[in-house]
Amino acid sequence: AYRAAMRSIFSELLRQDRVVIVDEFKVAAPKTKEVLSLLNSMGLNAGRRLIVTEAFDENVYLGSRNVIELGYLTVSSLDPVSLISADKVVITAGAIKMVEEWLS
């Protein structure tokens, strides 16, 4: 039931155009300014955003933790509430592949 729920959440997010798939989400330094600059370059400078990567990235984590409307998770820690509450989910191609395998 849990995987079915996650599948339907992902389908709905995709249908509503709330998922942004990127090749990678990397910043050179663990700075909030760098993370926000990368998000701004994608046109995601407002709203509740969630970044999802396949593996933990300390720079992304440290750079995003001080921003109220910004979450950062790895595929292994994804949960329904975080997904539903995000206006936009920025997910790496590697992470989406892992999610597809997990939900298939």
C-alpha atoms as a PDB file:
ATOM      1  CA  ALA A   1       0.000   0.000   0.000  1.00  0.00           C
ATOM      2  CA  TYR A   2       2.874   2.363   0.810  1.00  0.00           C
ATOM      3  CA  ARG A   3       4.495   1.913  -2.605  1.00  0.00           C
ATOM      4  CA  ALA A   4       1.122   2.342  -4.310  1.00  0.00           C
ATOM      5  CA  ALA A   5       0.620   5.599  -2.410  1.00  0.00           C
ATOM      6  CA  MET A   6       4.080   6.844  -3.369  1.00  0.00           C
ATOM      7  CA  ARG A   7       3.410   5.861  -7.001  1.00  0.00           C
ATOM      8  CA  SER A   8       0.203   7.866  -7.079  1.00  0.00           C
ATOM      9  CA  ILE A   9       1.861  10.865  -5.394  1.00  0.00           C
ATOM     10  CA  PHE A  10       4.615  10.851  -8.030  1.00  0.00           C
ATOM     11  CA  SER A  11       2.072  10.501 -10.860  1.00  0.00           C
ATOM     12  CA  GLU A  12       0.099  13.438  -9.512  1.00  0.00           C
ATOM     13  CA  LEU A  13       3.223  15.610  -9.090  1.00  0.00           C
ATOM     14  CA  LEU A  14       4.254  14.840 -12.680  1.00  0.00           C
ATOM     15  CA  ARG A  15       0.743  15.519 -13.961  1.00  0.00           C
ATOM     16  CA  GLN A  16       0.706  18.894 -12.218  1.00  0.00           C
ATOM     17  CA  ASP A  17       4.130  19.765 -13.639  1.00  0.00           C
ATOM     18  CA  ARG A  18       5.599  20.015 -10.133  1.00  0.00           C
ATOM     19  CA  VAL A  19       8.676  17.864 -10.853  1.00  0.00           C
ATOM     20  CA  VAL A  20      11.891  19.250 -12.304  1.00  0.00           C
ATOM     21  CA  ILE A  21      14.384  16.572 -13.394  1.00  0.00           C
ATOM     22  CA  VAL A  22      18.022  17.675 -13.514  1.00  0.00           C
ATOM     23  CA  ASP A  23      21.180  15.759 -14.468  1.00  0.00           C
ATOM     24  CA  GLU A  24      22.740  16.638 -11.147  1.00  0.00           C
ATOM     25  CA  PHE A  25      22.320  19.053  -8.263  1.00  0.00           C
ATOM     26  CA  LYS A  26      25.755  20.076  -7.070  1.00  0.00           C
ATOM     27  CA  VAL A  27      27.179  23.196  -5.471  1.00  0.00           C
ATOM     28  CA  ALA A  28      30.868  23.975  -5.084  1.00  0.00           C
ATOM     29  CA  ALA A  29      30.597  25.084  -1.464  1.00  0.00           C
ATOM     30  CA  PRO A  30      28.181  24.449   1.436  1.00  0.00           C
ATOM     31  CA  LYS A  31      26.653  27.916   1.102  1.00  0.00           C
ATOM     32  CA  THR A  32      22.992  28.882   1.110  1.00  0.00           C
ATOM     33  CA  LYS A  33      23.725  31.515  -1.539  1.00  0.00           C
ATOM     34  CA  GLU A  34      25.066  28.845  -3.935  1.00  0.00           C
ATOM     35  CA  VAL A  35      22.045  26.555  -3.489  1.00  0.00           C
ATOM     36  CA  LEU A  36      19.607  29.447  -3.964  1.00  0.00           C
ATOM     37  CA  SER A  37      21.532  30.696  -6.991  1.00  0.00           C
ATOM     38  CA  LEU A  38      21.273  27.244  -8.606  1.00  0.00           C
ATOM     39  CA  LEU A  39      17.533  27.101  -7.873  1.00  0.00           C
ATOM     40  CA  ASN A  40      17.073  30.652  -9.227  1.00  0.00           C
ATOM     41  CA  SER A  41      18.823  29.642 -12.456  1.00  0.00           C
ATOM     42  CA  MET A  42      16.074  27.013 -12.847  1.00  0.00           C
ATOM     43  CA  GLY A  43      13.390  29.612 -12.218  1.00  0.00           C
ATOM     44  CA  LEU A  44      12.626  28.135  -8.799  1.00  0.00           C
ATOM     45  CA  ASN A  45      13.111  31.143  -6.582  1.00  0.00           C
ATOM     46  CA  ALA A  46       9.869  30.932  -4.602  1.00  0.00           C
ATOM     47  CA  GLY A  47       7.518  28.474  -2.974  1.00  0.00           C
ATOM     48  CA  ARG A  48       8.143  25.259  -1.097  1.00  0.00           C
ATOM     49  CA  ARG A  49      10.916  23.388  -2.883  1.00  0.00           C
ATOM     50  CA  LEU A  50      12.271  19.919  -2.257  1.00  0.00           C
ATOM     51  CA  ILE A  51      15.615  18.734  -3.621  1.00  0.00           C
ATOM     52  CA  VAL A  52      16.023  14.963  -4.034  1.00  0.00           C
ATOM     53  CA  THR A  53      19.336  13.310  -4.887  1.00  0.00           C
ATOM     54  CA  GLU A  54      20.357   9.661  -5.134  1.00  0.00           C
ATOM     55  CA  ALA A  55      23.154  10.029  -2.562  1.00  0.00           C
ATOM     56  CA  PHE A  56      23.690  12.400   0.364  1.00  0.00           C
ATOM     57  CA  ASP A  57      25.567  15.572  -0.613  1.00  0.00           C
ATOM     58  CA  GLU A  58      26.910  17.484   2.360  1.00  0.00           C
ATOM     59  CA  ASN A  59      27.292  20.767   0.446  1.00  0.00           C
ATOM     60  CA  VAL A  60      23.663  20.677  -0.696  1.00  0.00           C
ATOM     61  CA  TYR A  61      22.502  19.706   2.796  1.00  0.00           C
ATOM     62  CA  LEU A  62      24.463  22.457   4.546  1.00  0.00           C
ATOM     63  CA  GLY A  63      23.536  25.012   1.905  1.00  0.00           C
ATOM     64  CA  SER A  64      19.805  24.277   2.070  1.00  0.00           C
ATOM     65  CA  ARG A  65      19.166  23.717   5.778  1.00  0.00           C
ATOM     66  CA  ASN A  66      18.805  27.408   6.674  1.00  0.00           C
ATOM     67  CA  VAL A  67      16.095  28.110   4.100  1.00  0.00           C
ATOM     68  CA  ILE A  68      12.598  27.718   5.527  1.00  0.00           C
ATOM     69  CA  GLU A  69      10.795  26.710   2.332  1.00  0.00           C
ATOM     70  CA  LEU A  70      13.509  24.366   1.094  1.00  0.00           C
ATOM     71  CA  GLY A  71      13.905  20.696   1.886  1.00  0.00           C
ATOM     72  CA  TYR A  72      16.626  18.240   0.966  1.00  0.00           C
ATOM     73  CA  LEU A  73      16.239  14.462   0.960  1.00  0.00           C
ATOM     74  CA  THR A  74      17.898  11.435  -0.559  1.00  0.00           C
ATOM     75  CA  VAL A  75      15.805   8.753  -2.257  1.00  0.00           C
ATOM     76  CA  SER A  76      16.186   6.483   0.773  1.00  0.00           C
ATOM     77  CA  SER A  77      14.617   9.088   3.071  1.00  0.00           C
ATOM     78  CA  LEU A  78      11.760  10.172   0.791  1.00  0.00           C
ATOM     79  CA  ASP A  79       8.382  10.344   2.471  1.00  0.00           C
ATOM     80  CA  PRO A  80       4.838  11.116   1.269  1.00  0.00           C
ATOM     81  CA  VAL A  81       4.396  14.259   3.395  1.00  0.00           C
ATOM     82  CA  SER A  82       7.545  15.944   2.044  1.00  0.00           C
ATOM     83  CA  LEU A  83       6.495  15.181  -1.530  1.00  0.00           C
ATOM     84  CA  ILE A  84       2.908  16.360  -1.125  1.00  0.00           C
ATOM     85  CA  SER A  85       3.854  19.569   0.666  1.00  0.00           C
ATOM     86  CA  ALA A  86       6.393  20.680  -1.964  1.00  0.00           C
ATOM     87  CA  ASP A  87       5.298  23.094  -4.686  1.00  0.00           C
ATOM     88  CA  LYS A  88       8.217  21.911  -6.818  1.00  0.00           C
ATOM     89  CA  VAL A  89      10.369  18.801  -6.489  1.00  0.00           C
ATOM     90  CA  VAL A  90      13.843  19.079  -8.008  1.00  0.00           C
ATOM     91  CA  ILE A  91      15.092  15.529  -8.522  1.00  0.00           C
ATOM     92  CA  THR A  92      18.249  14.232 -10.163  1.00  0.00           C
ATOM     93  CA  ALA A  93      18.025  11.815 -13.073  1.00  0.00           C
ATOM     94  CA  GLY A  94      19.834   9.188 -10.988  1.00  0.00           C
ATOM     95  CA  ALA A  95      17.336   9.618  -8.159  1.00  0.00           C
ATOM     96  CA  ILE A  96      14.309   9.334 -10.457  1.00  0.00           C
ATOM     97  CA  LYS A  97      15.750   6.091 -11.818  1.00  0.00           C
ATOM     98  CA  MET A  98      16.084   4.737  -8.260  1.00  0.00           C
ATOM     99  CA  VAL A  99      12.516   5.802  -7.455  1.00  0.00           C
ATOM    100  CA  GLU A 100      11.194   4.090 -10.603  1.00  0.00           C
ATOM    101  CA  GLU A 101      13.015   0.859  -9.715  1.00  0.00           C
ATOM    102  CA  TRP A 102      11.770   1.051  -6.126  1.00  0.00           C
ATOM    103  CA  LEU A 103       8.153   1.648  -7.174  1.00  0.00           C
ATOM    104  CA  SER A 104       8.009  -0.853 -10.031  1.00  0.00           C
END
